[in-house]
Protein backbone atom coordinates (compact mmCIF):
# COMPACT_ATOMS: atom_id res chain seq x y z
CA MET A 1 24.30 35.55 8.37
CA LEU A 2 24.05 39.25 7.37
CA ARG A 3 26.80 41.08 5.50
CA ALA A 4 27.72 44.60 6.52
CA ASP A 5 26.23 46.11 3.35
CA GLU A 6 22.86 44.33 3.78
CA ALA A 7 19.94 46.20 5.33
CA VAL A 8 17.59 44.55 7.77
CA ASP A 9 13.95 44.47 6.71
CA TRP A 10 12.16 45.18 9.99
CA SER A 11 8.77 45.13 8.26
CA SER A 12 8.91 41.41 7.46
CA SER A 13 6.74 39.00 9.44
CA PRO A 14 8.47 36.93 12.15
CA ILE A 15 9.07 33.27 11.44
CA LEU A 16 7.51 32.22 14.77
CA SER A 17 4.01 33.53 15.37
CA GLY A 18 3.37 35.45 18.57
CA ASP A 19 0.07 33.58 18.85
CA LEU A 20 1.74 30.25 19.65
CA ASP A 21 1.49 30.77 23.40
CA ALA A 22 -2.15 31.78 23.10
CA GLU A 23 -2.89 28.73 20.94
CA ALA A 24 -1.11 26.43 23.39
CA SER A 25 -3.08 27.91 26.28
CA ALA A 26 -6.34 27.52 24.35
CA ASN A 27 -5.54 23.88 23.53
CA ALA A 28 -4.72 23.16 27.19
CA ALA A 29 -7.97 24.80 28.28
CA SER A 30 -9.93 22.80 25.69
CA ALA A 31 -8.33 19.54 26.85
CA ALA A 32 -9.16 20.34 30.49
CA ARG A 33 -12.79 21.14 29.65
CA ALA A 34 -13.09 17.89 27.71
CA ASN A 35 -12.97 16.09 31.08
CA ARG A 36 -16.24 17.70 32.17
CA ILE A 37 -18.59 14.72 32.01
CA ARG A 38 -21.88 14.07 33.75
CA LEU A 39 -21.94 11.27 36.33
CA PHE A 40 -24.85 9.44 37.93
CA ARG A 41 -26.54 11.35 40.78
CA ILE A 42 -23.70 13.91 40.87
CA THR A 43 -24.69 17.56 40.46
CA PRO A 44 -22.00 18.97 38.11
CA GLY A 45 -19.79 21.89 39.09
CA PHE A 46 -20.08 23.26 35.54
CA LEU A 47 -23.02 24.34 33.39
CA SER A 48 -24.55 21.27 31.80
CA ASP A 49 -27.91 20.35 30.34
CA PRO A 50 -29.67 17.90 32.68
CA VAL A 51 -30.55 14.43 31.47
CA GLY A 52 -34.03 13.08 31.92
CA LEU A 53 -36.10 15.90 30.40
CA SER A 54 -38.47 14.92 27.61
CA ASP A 55 -41.33 16.48 25.70
CA PRO A 56 -44.64 14.62 25.33
CA ASP A 57 -44.83 15.70 21.64
CA GLU A 58 -41.28 14.48 20.94
CA SER A 59 -40.25 18.10 20.52
CA ALA A 60 -37.25 19.69 22.19
CA SER A 61 -38.87 23.12 22.47
CA ASP A 62 -39.62 22.81 26.19
CA ALA A 63 -36.68 20.61 27.13
CA THR A 64 -33.82 22.77 25.91
CA PRO A 65 -32.03 25.40 27.98
CA ALA A 66 -33.50 28.86 27.83
CA ASP A 67 -31.49 31.46 25.92
CA SER A 68 -30.67 33.79 28.79
CA GLY A 69 -28.04 35.79 26.92
CA VAL A 70 -25.45 35.20 29.66
CA ASP A 71 -22.80 32.53 29.96
CA TRP A 72 -23.11 31.98 33.73
CA LEU A 73 -26.75 30.89 33.83
CA SER A 74 -28.53 27.81 32.49
CA VAL A 75 -32.27 27.10 32.73
CA SER A 76 -33.95 23.92 31.46
CA MET A 77 -37.49 22.66 31.89
CA GLY A 78 -39.69 19.83 30.73
CA PRO A 79 -41.45 16.61 31.80
CA ASP A 80 -39.28 14.50 34.09
CA ASN A 81 -38.05 11.20 32.67
CA PRO A 82 -36.73 9.06 35.56
CA PHE A 83 -35.07 6.40 33.38
CA PHE A 84 -31.89 8.32 32.48
CA ASP A 85 -30.38 8.43 35.97
CA LEU A 86 -30.17 6.17 38.98
CA ARG A 87 -33.17 6.58 41.28
CA ARG A 88 -33.40 5.53 44.89
CA PRO A 89 -36.52 4.89 46.99
CA GLY A 90 -38.10 8.20 47.97
CA ASP A 91 -36.56 10.27 45.18
CA PRO A 92 -38.87 13.14 44.15
CA GLY A 93 -40.30 13.50 40.68
CA GLY A 94 -40.68 10.79 38.08
CA VAL A 95 -43.32 10.03 35.48
CA GLY A 96 -46.12 12.59 35.63
CA TYR A 97 -43.95 15.37 37.08
CA TYR A 98 -42.65 18.59 35.54
CA LYS A 99 -39.07 19.62 36.25
CA VAL A 100 -37.32 23.00 36.22
CA HIS A 101 -33.52 22.95 36.47
CA THR A 102 -31.48 26.12 37.08
CA GLN A 103 -27.71 26.42 37.39
CA VAL A 104 -25.66 29.50 38.32
CA GLN A 105 -21.89 29.44 37.71
CA LEU A 106 -20.17 31.03 40.72
CA PHE A 107 -16.69 30.80 39.23
CA ASP A 108 -15.14 29.02 36.28
CA SER A 109 -11.60 28.39 35.05
CA PRO A 110 -10.13 25.83 32.64
CA THR A 111 -9.53 23.42 35.55
CA THR A 112 -12.04 24.40 38.28
CA GLY A 113 -15.72 25.19 38.38
CA CYS A 114 -18.35 25.79 41.06
CA THR A 115 -22.10 26.04 40.60
CA VAL A 116 -25.23 26.52 42.67
CA SER A 117 -28.20 24.56 41.35
CA PHE A 118 -31.92 24.71 42.04
CA GLN A 119 -34.34 22.05 40.87
CA ALA A 120 -38.10 22.14 41.26
CA LEU A 121 -40.43 19.19 40.64
CA LYS A 122 -44.22 19.40 40.69
CA PRO A 123 -47.12 17.34 39.32
CA ALA A 124 -47.58 18.19 35.65
CA GLY A 125 -51.38 18.08 35.86
CA ARG A 126 -53.92 16.24 33.75
CA ASP A 127 -53.81 18.89 31.03
CA ASN A 128 -50.17 17.89 30.41
CA ASP A 129 -50.77 14.13 30.72
CA GLY A 130 -49.26 14.17 34.21
CA LEU A 131 -50.28 13.59 37.79
CA ASP A 132 -53.08 15.77 39.12
CA ASP A 133 -51.79 15.80 42.69
CA GLY A 134 -48.57 15.12 44.55
CA PRO A 135 -45.75 16.76 46.49
CA THR A 136 -43.86 19.75 45.11
CA THR A 137 -40.14 19.53 45.88
CA VAL A 138 -37.24 21.94 45.49
CA ILE A 139 -33.63 20.71 45.56
CA PRO A 140 -30.92 23.31 46.20
CA SER A 141 -27.31 22.13 45.91
CA VAL A 142 -23.75 23.37 45.52
CA ALA A 143 -21.19 21.50 43.41
CA LEU A 144 -17.46 21.66 42.69
CA PHE A 145 -15.35 20.31 39.81
CA HIS A 146 -11.54 20.25 39.63
CA SER A 147 -9.30 18.71 36.96
CA LEU A 148 -5.63 17.74 37.36
CA ASP A 149 -2.86 17.89 34.76
CA ASP A 150 -3.06 14.18 33.84
CA GLY A 151 -6.79 14.33 33.09
CA THR A 152 -7.89 13.02 36.47
CA ALA A 153 -10.82 15.04 37.82
CA ILE A 154 -12.74 15.27 41.09
CA GLN A 155 -16.42 16.11 41.38
CA GLY A 156 -18.42 16.69 44.53
CA PHE A 157 -21.73 18.12 45.67
CA VAL A 158 -24.03 18.53 48.66
CA GLY A 159 -27.76 19.21 48.47
CA LYS A 160 -31.11 18.46 50.03
CA ASN A 161 -34.72 17.79 49.16
CA VAL A 162 -37.28 20.23 50.56
CA ASN A 163 -40.96 19.32 50.31
CA LEU A 164 -42.98 22.52 49.91
CA ASN A 165 -46.19 20.83 50.97
CA THR A 166 -45.07 20.80 54.60
CA SER A 167 -43.36 23.20 56.97
CA TRP A 168 -39.82 24.27 56.01
CA THR A 169 -38.64 24.21 59.61
CA ASN A 170 -39.41 20.50 59.93
CA GLN A 171 -37.13 19.59 57.04
CA LEU A 172 -33.94 21.57 57.51
CA ASP A 173 -32.13 18.56 58.98
CA GLN A 174 -33.64 15.92 56.67
CA ALA A 175 -33.03 14.52 53.20
CA VAL A 176 -29.44 15.74 52.96
CA GLN A 177 -27.54 14.06 50.13
CA TYR A 178 -23.92 14.35 49.16
CA GLY A 179 -21.36 12.69 46.95
CA MET A 180 -17.84 12.73 45.57
CA ALA A 181 -16.40 11.12 42.45
CA VAL A 182 -12.96 10.53 40.96
CA GLN A 183 -12.63 10.02 37.21
CA HIS A 184 -9.68 9.24 34.97
CA PRO A 185 -9.47 9.07 31.16
CA LEU A 186 -8.43 5.73 29.69
CA THR A 187 -8.16 7.28 26.21
CA GLN A 188 -8.05 10.82 24.90
CA ALA A 189 -9.02 10.67 21.25
CA GLY A 190 -10.06 14.26 20.54
CA PRO A 191 -9.49 17.77 21.91
CA ASP A 192 -13.26 18.28 22.30
CA GLY A 193 -13.65 15.01 24.21
CA SER A 194 -14.93 12.97 21.26
CA GLY A 195 -13.97 9.32 21.68
CA ASN A 196 -12.70 9.71 25.24
CA VAL A 197 -13.36 6.82 27.62
CA PHE A 198 -13.35 7.47 31.38
CA VAL A 199 -13.38 5.17 34.38
CA PHE A 200 -14.98 6.64 37.51
CA VAL A 201 -15.75 5.73 41.11
CA GLU A 202 -18.40 7.56 43.11
CA ALA A 203 -19.10 7.64 46.83
CA LEU A 204 -22.68 8.68 47.60
CA GLY A 205 -24.32 9.34 50.96
CA ARG A 206 -27.76 10.19 52.32
CA TYR A 207 -28.63 11.45 55.79
CA ARG A 208 -32.18 11.10 57.16
CA TYR A 209 -33.41 10.36 53.70
CA ASP A 210 -36.66 8.88 55.03
CA ALA A 211 -38.53 11.96 56.26
CA SER A 212 -41.20 9.83 57.92
CA THR A 213 -38.82 8.69 60.68
CA MET A 214 -38.69 10.82 63.81
CA ALA A 215 -35.18 9.81 64.84
CA ALA A 216 -31.93 10.27 62.99
CA THR A 217 -31.14 7.26 60.83
CA PRO A 218 -27.63 6.05 59.98
CA ASN A 219 -26.01 7.41 56.87
CA ALA A 220 -26.73 5.36 53.77
CA VAL A 221 -23.37 5.08 51.98
CA GLU A 222 -22.96 3.61 48.50
CA VAL A 223 -20.08 3.13 46.06
CA LEU A 224 -20.74 3.43 42.35
CA PRO A 225 -18.00 2.36 39.88
CA GLY A 226 -18.55 2.68 36.15
CA LEU A 227 -17.41 3.67 32.66
CA HIS A 228 -18.25 6.73 30.58
CA TRP A 229 -17.77 6.94 26.81
CA GLN A 230 -17.89 10.44 25.33
CA MET A 231 -18.70 9.61 21.72
CA ALA A 232 -19.22 13.28 20.74
CA PRO A 233 -19.70 16.58 22.60
CA ASN A 234 -23.49 15.97 22.60
CA TRP A 235 -23.49 12.15 22.62
CA TRP A 236 -22.33 9.91 25.45
CA MET A 237 -22.95 6.53 27.04
CA SER A 238 -22.41 5.69 30.68
CA GLY A 239 -22.87 2.60 32.82
CA GLY A 240 -22.36 1.79 36.48
CA VAL A 241 -23.51 -0.34 39.40
CA VAL A 242 -24.50 0.69 42.95
CA LEU A 243 -22.73 -1.24 45.72
CA PRO A 244 -24.12 -0.53 49.22
CA VAL A 245 -21.45 -0.08 51.88
CA ASN A 246 -23.63 -0.29 54.97
CA THR A 247 -26.76 -2.38 55.43
CA MET A 248 -29.95 -0.32 55.16
CA PRO A 249 -33.55 -1.49 54.66
CA THR A 250 -33.53 -0.05 51.14
CA SER A 251 -29.94 -0.97 50.25
CA VAL A 252 -29.87 -3.05 47.07
CA ASN A 253 -27.46 -3.60 44.22
CA GLN A 254 -28.63 -1.59 41.23
CA TRP A 255 -27.13 -1.05 37.80
CA GLN A 256 -27.78 1.64 35.23
CA PHE A 257 -26.90 2.17 31.58
CA THR A 258 -27.68 5.49 29.90
CA CYS A 259 -27.20 6.71 26.34
CA SER A 260 -27.81 10.43 25.84
CA LEU A 261 -27.95 12.27 22.50
CA GLN A 262 -28.88 15.94 22.68
CA PHE A 263 -29.56 18.30 19.79
């Protein structure tokens, strides 16, 4: 309490920093972005290095994103390694193929993100210890990510496979794939996501996936539950199992376990 003869020192620093609101907002944004995890067969709605790129010389020079100088574009390229993600019969690429992955961030906020992605897969050629011949495929897709206040997040995408070795007009209604996933953190150990464990459930669909059929085939619908452990920002492990919903000739139970460590 000030006496009447005491002067107020207006030059002194305030007890409460004016940066508290900014720090709180930054912490909330960091916690929301910690929920951005990669899921099996789901194109992410945020910029993320793709899994399944490897270099034949065990060097990361060709498998790391290109330094574009902008924060809304990501480009990665390298030999395709099909063992990091779930593959279904007829999926393009695989051993002997070279993959180029490009992502463009349409909009991004602490809780919501949307990207347009373009993948291209072609035979790597004998000079690169790959296949000498085979189909070249491009995969355009659009993806959305949204996180809720309690850490629950929703991911979804729609895309298609286009074989460049045949006419474009014959494929516009074929090989459409789509999916949606719901994830929820079981633990939240660190603000950067380190130590977080998530449970997720995916619903995946394919329409006219077999391009050799002349008539429209029923949608192939699958459910994929699993767990994701974010051990560090660049180190995670994920496991899940595919459970077919409808009976298709290629519908089988399939499980996958992936451990990814990127430098």
